[in-house]
Amino acid sequence: MSILPSLTGKDIIGILKKTGFRIERQRGSHVFLRNQNGLTTVVPVHSGEIIGHGLFAKILRDVEMTKEDFLRLL
């Protein structure tokens, strides 16, 4: 397993946009993203806060992406 850098919600949203996800809507600090295949995820955007490892793993499962694939997009 590779070590992941500390990422904020905005960082993760930017990387997901590169892979074809787009912002569907936002409710408070939670941004809902969807791609054209129907995969969806929710990314919280709190200023200055880092996304934890557990939540990051959940986002990767939602978008069906491996950690290695995600690291290549950085």
C-alpha atoms as a PDB file:
ATOM      1  CA  MET A   1       0.000   0.000   0.000  1.00  0.00           C
ATOM      2  CA  SER A   2       1.263   3.438  -0.853  1.00  0.00           C
ATOM      3  CA  ILE A   3       1.106   6.412   1.468  1.00  0.00           C
ATOM      4  CA  LEU A   4      -1.396   9.039   0.369  1.00  0.00           C
ATOM      5  CA  PRO A   5      -0.752  12.762   0.673  1.00  0.00           C
ATOM      6  CA  SER A   6      -3.014  14.884   2.858  1.00  0.00           C
ATOM      7  CA  LEU A   7      -5.820  16.160   0.661  1.00  0.00           C
ATOM      8  CA  THR A   8      -8.669  18.577   1.241  1.00  0.00           C
ATOM      9  CA  GLY A   9     -12.149  18.150  -0.197  1.00  0.00           C
ATOM     10  CA  LYS A  10     -11.405  20.727  -2.910  1.00  0.00           C
ATOM     11  CA  ASP A  11      -8.300  18.761  -3.950  1.00  0.00           C
ATOM     12  CA  ILE A  12     -10.292  15.541  -4.296  1.00  0.00           C
ATOM     13  CA  ILE A  13     -13.072  17.259  -6.255  1.00  0.00           C
ATOM     14  CA  GLY A  14     -10.503  18.709  -8.673  1.00  0.00           C
ATOM     15  CA  ILE A  15      -9.004  15.290  -9.317  1.00  0.00           C
ATOM     16  CA  LEU A  16     -12.410  13.651  -9.749  1.00  0.00           C
ATOM     17  CA  LYS A  17     -13.365  16.327 -12.279  1.00  0.00           C
ATOM     18  CA  LYS A  18     -10.340  15.263 -14.352  1.00  0.00           C
ATOM     19  CA  THR A  19     -11.845  11.778 -14.588  1.00  0.00           C
ATOM     20  CA  GLY A  20     -15.243  12.956 -15.830  1.00  0.00           C
ATOM     21  CA  PHE A  21     -17.150  13.626 -12.624  1.00  0.00           C
ATOM     22  CA  ARG A  22     -19.200  16.781 -12.429  1.00  0.00           C
ATOM     23  CA  ILE A  23     -20.840  18.573  -9.547  1.00  0.00           C
ATOM     24  CA  GLU A  24     -24.530  17.643  -9.390  1.00  0.00           C
ATOM     25  CA  ARG A  25     -25.464  19.747  -6.409  1.00  0.00           C
ATOM     26  CA  GLN A  26     -24.290  20.971  -3.052  1.00  0.00           C
ATOM     27  CA  ARG A  27     -26.023  20.908   0.294  1.00  0.00           C
ATOM     28  CA  GLY A  28     -24.176  22.899   2.902  1.00  0.00           C
ATOM     29  CA  SER A  29     -20.567  21.770   2.862  1.00  0.00           C
ATOM     30  CA  HIS A  30     -21.271  18.484   1.065  1.00  0.00           C
ATOM     31  CA  VAL A  31     -20.695  18.364  -2.690  1.00  0.00           C
ATOM     32  CA  PHE A  32     -22.473  15.624  -4.665  1.00  0.00           C
ATOM     33  CA  LEU A  33     -20.615  14.429  -7.774  1.00  0.00           C
ATOM     34  CA  ARG A  34     -21.741  12.118 -10.590  1.00  0.00           C
ATOM     35  CA  ASN A  35     -20.177  10.809 -13.783  1.00  0.00           C
ATOM     36  CA  GLN A  36     -21.933   9.803 -16.991  1.00  0.00           C
ATOM     37  CA  ASN A  37     -21.863   6.116 -15.975  1.00  0.00           C
ATOM     38  CA  GLY A  38     -24.020   6.920 -12.946  1.00  0.00           C
ATOM     39  CA  LEU A  39     -21.355   6.572 -10.256  1.00  0.00           C
ATOM     40  CA  THR A  40     -21.902   9.058  -7.438  1.00  0.00           C
ATOM     41  CA  THR A  41     -20.051  10.199  -4.334  1.00  0.00           C
ATOM     42  CA  VAL A  42     -20.237  12.920  -1.735  1.00  0.00           C
ATOM     43  CA  VAL A  43     -17.194  14.977  -0.746  1.00  0.00           C
ATOM     44  CA  PRO A  44     -17.295  17.294   2.279  1.00  0.00           C
ATOM     45  CA  VAL A  45     -15.572  20.644   1.767  1.00  0.00           C
ATOM     46  CA  HIS A  46     -14.600  22.226   5.074  1.00  0.00           C
ATOM     47  CA  SER A  47     -12.011  24.988   4.812  1.00  0.00           C
ATOM     48  CA  GLY A  48      -8.561  23.797   5.799  1.00  0.00           C
ATOM     49  CA  GLU A  49      -9.661  20.324   6.915  1.00  0.00           C
ATOM     50  CA  ILE A  50      -7.998  17.207   5.571  1.00  0.00           C
ATOM     51  CA  ILE A  51     -10.103  14.242   4.414  1.00  0.00           C
ATOM     52  CA  GLY A  52      -9.485  11.269   6.710  1.00  0.00           C
ATOM     53  CA  HIS A  53      -8.252   7.889   5.496  1.00  0.00           C
ATOM     54  CA  GLY A  54     -11.568   6.117   6.096  1.00  0.00           C
ATOM     55  CA  LEU A  55     -13.642   8.695   4.225  1.00  0.00           C
ATOM     56  CA  PHE A  56     -11.070   8.799   1.430  1.00  0.00           C
ATOM     57  CA  ALA A  57     -11.315   5.001   1.068  1.00  0.00           C
ATOM     58  CA  LYS A  58     -15.126   5.285   0.904  1.00  0.00           C
ATOM     59  CA  ILE A  59     -14.904   7.914  -1.851  1.00  0.00           C
ATOM     60  CA  LEU A  60     -12.553   5.654  -3.833  1.00  0.00           C
ATOM     61  CA  ARG A  61     -14.987   2.724  -3.485  1.00  0.00           C
ATOM     62  CA  ASP A  62     -17.870   4.948  -4.610  1.00  0.00           C
ATOM     63  CA  VAL A  63     -16.036   6.011  -7.784  1.00  0.00           C
ATOM     64  CA  GLU A  64     -14.582   2.525  -8.376  1.00  0.00           C
ATOM     65  CA  MET A  65     -10.995   3.739  -8.397  1.00  0.00           C
ATOM     66  CA  THR A  66      -7.884   2.253  -6.797  1.00  0.00           C
ATOM     67  CA  LYS A  67      -5.404   4.240  -4.731  1.00  0.00           C
ATOM     68  CA  GLU A  68      -2.797   3.707  -7.427  1.00  0.00           C
ATOM     69  CA  ASP A  69      -5.090   5.129 -10.130  1.00  0.00           C
ATOM     70  CA  PHE A  70      -5.830   8.127  -7.933  1.00  0.00           C
ATOM     71  CA  LEU A  71      -2.128   8.761  -7.229  1.00  0.00           C
ATOM     72  CA  ARG A  72      -1.373   8.788 -10.959  1.00  0.00           C
ATOM     73  CA  LEU A  73      -3.819  11.684 -11.356  1.00  0.00           C
ATOM     74  CA  LEU A  74      -2.054  13.862  -8.764  1.00  0.00           C
END
